[in-house]
Amino acid sequence: MSRTSKITALYERLSRDDDLNGESNSITNQKKYLEDYARRNGFTNIRLFTDDGFS
């Protein structure tokens, strides 16, 4: 019997209004908020996915 591991996918995206080079404050704040929420609510196997505005 195969067993699959579920993941918790956290997705953050760059705001067009955030003109900073590198990782924006928007992305940093979203990561912190989402990770804190996931941990407080018992989500495990967390994976972060970032849309940094590059195509």
PDB file of N, CA and C in Angstrom:
ATOM      1  N   MET A   1       0.850  -1.176   0.000  1.00  0.00           N
ATOM      2  CA  MET A   1       0.000   0.000   0.000  1.00  0.00           C
ATOM      3  C   MET A   1       0.897   1.241   0.000  1.00  0.00           C
ATOM      4  N   SER A   2       0.638   2.159  -0.907  1.00  0.00           N
ATOM      5  CA  SER A   2       1.450   3.375  -0.936  1.00  0.00           C
ATOM      6  C   SER A   2       0.851   4.412   0.000  1.00  0.00           C
ATOM      7  N   ARG A   3       1.733   5.159   0.595  1.00  0.00           N
ATOM      8  CA  ARG A   3       1.302   6.194   1.520  1.00  0.00           C
ATOM      9  C   ARG A   3       1.799   7.532   0.989  1.00  0.00           C
ATOM     10  N   THR A   4       0.901   8.483   0.865  1.00  0.00           N
ATOM     11  CA  THR A   4       1.301   9.800   0.377  1.00  0.00           C
ATOM     12  C   THR A   4       1.390  10.765   1.547  1.00  0.00           C
ATOM     13  N   SER A   5       2.361  11.642   1.487  1.00  0.00           N
ATOM     14  CA  SER A   5       2.525  12.669   2.508  1.00  0.00           C
ATOM     15  C   SER A   5       1.862  13.944   2.023  1.00  0.00           C
ATOM     16  N   LYS A   6       1.024  14.479   2.856  1.00  0.00           N
ATOM     17  CA  LYS A   6       0.387  15.749   2.516  1.00  0.00           C
ATOM     18  C   LYS A   6       1.315  16.887   2.901  1.00  0.00           C
ATOM     19  N   ILE A   7       1.220  17.960   2.146  1.00  0.00           N
ATOM     20  CA  ILE A   7       1.982  19.158   2.481  1.00  0.00           C
ATOM     21  C   ILE A   7       1.017  20.303   2.747  1.00  0.00           C
ATOM     22  N   THR A   8       1.518  21.289   3.448  1.00  0.00           N
ATOM     23  CA  THR A   8       0.797  22.541   3.634  1.00  0.00           C
ATOM     24  C   THR A   8       1.475  23.562   2.736  1.00  0.00           C
ATOM     25  N   ALA A   9       0.797  23.973   1.694  1.00  0.00           N
ATOM     26  CA  ALA A   9       1.355  24.923   0.732  1.00  0.00           C
ATOM     27  C   ALA A   9       0.983  26.341   1.154  1.00  0.00           C
ATOM     28  N   LEU A  10       2.002  27.166   1.351  1.00  0.00           N
ATOM     29  CA  LEU A  10       1.798  28.569   1.682  1.00  0.00           C
ATOM     30  C   LEU A  10       2.270  29.398   0.493  1.00  0.00           C
ATOM     31  N   TYR A  11       1.401  30.261   0.004  1.00  0.00           N
ATOM     32  CA  TYR A  11       1.680  31.035  -1.206  1.00  0.00           C
ATOM     33  C   TYR A  11       1.679  32.517  -0.874  1.00  0.00           C
ATOM     34  N   GLU A  12       2.770  33.170  -1.200  1.00  0.00           N
ATOM     35  CA  GLU A  12       2.821  34.615  -1.045  1.00  0.00           C
ATOM     36  C   GLU A  12       3.201  35.230  -2.381  1.00  0.00           C
ATOM     37  N   ARG A  13       2.673  36.442  -2.608  1.00  0.00           N
ATOM     38  CA  ARG A  13       2.964  37.078  -3.898  1.00  0.00           C
ATOM     39  C   ARG A  13       3.342  38.536  -3.690  1.00  0.00           C
ATOM     40  N   LEU A  14       4.148  39.019  -4.599  1.00  0.00           N
ATOM     41  CA  LEU A  14       4.646  40.385  -4.559  1.00  0.00           C
ATOM     42  C   LEU A  14       3.546  41.366  -4.934  1.00  0.00           C
ATOM     43  N   SER A  15       3.438  42.420  -4.161  1.00  0.00           N
ATOM     44  CA  SER A  15       2.511  43.490  -4.483  1.00  0.00           C
ATOM     45  C   SER A  15       3.134  44.377  -5.551  1.00  0.00           C
ATOM     46  N   ARG A  16       2.375  44.766  -6.544  1.00  0.00           N
ATOM     47  CA  ARG A  16       2.886  45.671  -7.588  1.00  0.00           C
ATOM     48  C   ARG A  16       3.257  47.032  -7.005  1.00  0.00           C
ATOM     49  N   ASP A  17       2.683  47.374  -5.870  1.00  0.00           N
ATOM     50  CA  ASP A  17       2.973  48.658  -5.232  1.00  0.00           C
ATOM     51  C   ASP A  17       4.294  48.652  -4.477  1.00  0.00           C
ATOM     52  N   ASP A  18       4.905  47.483  -4.321  1.00  0.00           N
ATOM     53  CA  ASP A  18       6.144  47.362  -3.558  1.00  0.00           C
ATOM     54  C   ASP A  18       7.325  47.380  -4.518  1.00  0.00           C
ATOM     55  N   ASP A  19       8.029  48.501  -4.588  1.00  0.00           N
ATOM     56  CA  ASP A  19       9.100  48.680  -5.570  1.00  0.00           C
ATOM     57  C   ASP A  19      10.494  48.359  -5.035  1.00  0.00           C
ATOM     58  N   LEU A  20      10.604  47.638  -3.935  1.00  0.00           N
ATOM     59  CA  LEU A  20      11.919  47.338  -3.369  1.00  0.00           C
ATOM     60  C   LEU A  20      12.637  46.280  -4.187  1.00  0.00           C
ATOM     61  N   ASN A  21      13.954  46.385  -4.231  1.00  0.00           N
ATOM     62  CA  ASN A  21      14.766  45.340  -4.854  1.00  0.00           C
ATOM     63  C   ASN A  21      14.947  44.214  -3.848  1.00  0.00           C
ATOM     64  N   GLY A  22      15.132  43.002  -4.347  1.00  0.00           N
ATOM     65  CA  GLY A  22      15.279  41.856  -3.457  1.00  0.00           C
ATOM     66  C   GLY A  22      13.929  41.458  -2.892  1.00  0.00           C
ATOM     67  N   GLU A  23      13.951  40.794  -1.748  1.00  0.00           N
ATOM     68  CA  GLU A  23      12.698  40.351  -1.136  1.00  0.00           C
ATOM     69  C   GLU A  23      12.004  41.547  -0.513  1.00  0.00           C
ATOM     70  N   SER A  24      10.764  41.747  -0.862  1.00  0.00           N
ATOM     71  CA  SER A  24      10.034  42.918  -0.398  1.00  0.00           C
ATOM     72  C   SER A  24       9.528  42.730   1.023  1.00  0.00           C
ATOM     73  N   ASN A  25       9.171  43.853   1.658  1.00  0.00           N
ATOM     74  CA  ASN A  25       8.548  43.784   2.974  1.00  0.00           C
ATOM     75  C   ASN A  25       7.229  43.041   2.892  1.00  0.00           C
ATOM     76  N   SER A  26       6.522  43.217   1.783  1.00  0.00           N
ATOM     77  CA  SER A  26       5.248  42.538   1.582  1.00  0.00           C
ATOM     78  C   SER A  26       5.424  41.022   1.655  1.00  0.00           C
ATOM     79  N   ILE A  27       6.407  40.489   0.938  1.00  0.00           N
ATOM     80  CA  ILE A  27       6.667  39.048   0.933  1.00  0.00           C
ATOM     81  C   ILE A  27       7.108  38.590   2.321  1.00  0.00           C
ATOM     82  N   THR A  28       8.012  39.335   2.946  1.00  0.00           N
ATOM     83  CA  THR A  28       8.510  38.979   4.271  1.00  0.00           C
ATOM     84  C   THR A  28       7.372  38.917   5.279  1.00  0.00           C
ATOM     85  N   ASN A  29       6.502  39.917   5.268  1.00  0.00           N
ATOM     86  CA  ASN A  29       5.365  39.945   6.190  1.00  0.00           C
ATOM     87  C   ASN A  29       4.392  38.807   5.923  1.00  0.00           C
ATOM     88  N   GLN A  30       4.133  38.524   4.651  1.00  0.00           N
ATOM     89  CA  GLN A  30       3.222  37.429   4.310  1.00  0.00           C
ATOM     90  C   GLN A  30       3.774  36.091   4.800  1.00  0.00           C
ATOM     91  N   LYS A  31       5.074  35.848   4.584  1.00  0.00           N
ATOM     92  CA  LYS A  31       5.688  34.596   5.044  1.00  0.00           C
ATOM     93  C   LYS A  31       5.507  34.424   6.546  1.00  0.00           C
ATOM     94  N   LYS A  32       5.834  35.474   7.304  1.00  0.00           N
ATOM     95  CA  LYS A  32       5.723  35.404   8.757  1.00  0.00           C
ATOM     96  C   LYS A  32       4.284  35.121   9.175  1.00  0.00           C
ATOM     97  N   TYR A  33       3.346  35.863   8.627  1.00  0.00           N
ATOM     98  CA  TYR A  33       1.939  35.688   8.980  1.00  0.00           C
ATOM     99  C   TYR A  33       1.457  34.272   8.657  1.00  0.00           C
ATOM    100  N   LEU A  34       1.751  33.796   7.444  1.00  0.00           N
ATOM    101  CA  LEU A  34       1.285  32.474   7.024  1.00  0.00           C
ATOM    102  C   LEU A  34       1.926  31.349   7.827  1.00  0.00           C
ATOM    103  N   GLU A  35       3.236  31.445   8.084  1.00  0.00           N
ATOM    104  CA  GLU A  35       3.909  30.414   8.877  1.00  0.00           C
ATOM    105  C   GLU A  35       3.371  30.388  10.303  1.00  0.00           C
ATOM    106  N   ASP A  36       3.191  31.558  10.911  1.00  0.00           N
ATOM    107  CA  ASP A  36       2.634  31.625  12.266  1.00  0.00           C
ATOM    108  C   ASP A  36       1.240  31.005  12.308  1.00  0.00           C
ATOM    109  N   TYR A  37       0.397  31.355  11.344  1.00  0.00           N
ATOM    110  CA  TYR A  37      -0.963  30.812  11.285  1.00  0.00           C
ATOM    111  C   TYR A  37      -0.934  29.290  11.153  1.00  0.00           C
ATOM    112  N   ALA A  38      -0.111  28.790  10.240  1.00  0.00           N
ATOM    113  CA  ALA A  38      -0.040  27.346  10.005  1.00  0.00           C
ATOM    114  C   ALA A  38       0.393  26.609  11.268  1.00  0.00           C
ATOM    115  N   ARG A  39       1.410  27.102  11.930  1.00  0.00           N
ATOM    116  CA  ARG A  39       1.912  26.433  13.144  1.00  0.00           C
ATOM    117  C   ARG A  39       0.896  26.490  14.281  1.00  0.00           C
ATOM    118  N   ARG A  40       0.266  27.642  14.475  1.00  0.00           N
ATOM    119  CA  ARG A  40      -0.743  27.780  15.538  1.00  0.00           C
ATOM    120  C   ARG A  40      -1.915  26.836  15.336  1.00  0.00           C
ATOM    121  N   ASN A  41      -2.203  26.505  14.081  1.00  0.00           N
ATOM    122  CA  ASN A  41      -3.359  25.671  13.771  1.00  0.00           C
ATOM    123  C   ASN A  41      -2.992  24.225  13.453  1.00  0.00           C
ATOM    124  N   GLY A  42      -1.768  23.831  13.770  1.00  0.00           N
ATOM    125  CA  GLY A  42      -1.369  22.434  13.668  1.00  0.00           C
ATOM    126  C   GLY A  42      -1.039  21.926  12.279  1.00  0.00           C
ATOM    127  N   PHE A  43      -0.839  22.822  11.327  1.00  0.00           N
ATOM    128  CA  PHE A  43      -0.456  22.383   9.984  1.00  0.00           C
ATOM    129  C   PHE A  43       1.021  21.985   9.989  1.00  0.00           C
ATOM    130  N   THR A  44       1.341  20.925   9.281  1.00  0.00           N
ATOM    131  CA  THR A  44       2.713  20.423   9.253  1.00  0.00           C
ATOM    132  C   THR A  44       3.204  20.312   7.819  1.00  0.00           C
ATOM    133  N   ASN A  45       4.467  19.940   7.686  1.00  0.00           N
ATOM    134  CA  ASN A  45       5.083  19.733   6.374  1.00  0.00           C
ATOM    135  C   ASN A  45       4.881  20.966   5.478  1.00  0.00           C
ATOM    136  N   ILE A  46       5.259  22.105   6.014  1.00  0.00           N
ATOM    137  CA  ILE A  46       5.029  23.402   5.365  1.00  0.00           C
ATOM    138  C   ILE A  46       5.995  23.622   4.204  1.00  0.00           C
ATOM    139  N   ARG A  47       5.441  24.063   3.079  1.00  0.00           N
ATOM    140  CA  ARG A  47       6.234  24.435   1.904  1.00  0.00           C
ATOM    141  C   ARG A  47       5.815  25.839   1.478  1.00  0.00           C
ATOM    142  N   LEU A  48       6.800  26.687   1.239  1.00  0.00           N
ATOM    143  CA  LEU A  48       6.534  28.063   0.823  1.00  0.00           C
ATOM    144  C   LEU A  48       6.697  28.203  -0.681  1.00  0.00           C
ATOM    145  N   PHE A  49       5.756  28.898  -1.293  1.00  0.00           N
ATOM    146  CA  PHE A  49       5.799  29.188  -2.723  1.00  0.00           C
ATOM    147  C   PHE A  49       5.659  30.696  -2.877  1.00  0.00           C
ATOM    148  N   THR A  50       6.626  31.303  -3.552  1.00  0.00           N
ATOM    149  CA  THR A  50       6.670  32.759  -3.666  1.00  0.00           C
ATOM    150  C   THR A  50       6.562  33.190  -5.116  1.00  0.00           C
ATOM    151  N   ASP A  51       5.614  34.088  -5.385  1.00  0.00           N
ATOM    152  CA  ASP A  51       5.496  34.730  -6.693  1.00  0.00           C
ATOM    153  C   ASP A  51       6.143  36.099  -6.533  1.00  0.00           C
ATOM    154  N   ASP A  52       7.389  36.203  -6.997  1.00  0.00           N
ATOM    155  CA  ASP A  52       8.147  37.427  -6.780  1.00  0.00           C
ATOM    156  C   ASP A  52       8.033  38.435  -7.917  1.00  0.00           C
ATOM    157  N   GLY A  53       7.107  38.212  -8.817  1.00  0.00           N
ATOM    158  CA  GLY A  53       6.863  39.170  -9.877  1.00  0.00           C
ATOM    159  C   GLY A  53       7.713  38.993 -11.115  1.00  0.00           C
ATOM    160  N   PHE A  54       8.575  37.970 -11.144  1.00  0.00           N
ATOM    161  CA  PHE A  54       9.390  37.712 -12.331  1.00  0.00           C
ATOM    162  C   PHE A  54       8.697  36.710 -13.226  1.00  0.00           C
ATOM    163  N   SER A  55       8.763  36.935 -14.526  1.00  0.00           N
ATOM    164  CA  SER A  55       8.144  36.013 -15.476  1.00  0.00           C
ATOM    165  C   SER A  55       9.213  35.279 -16.242  1.00  0.00           C
TER     166      SER A  55
END
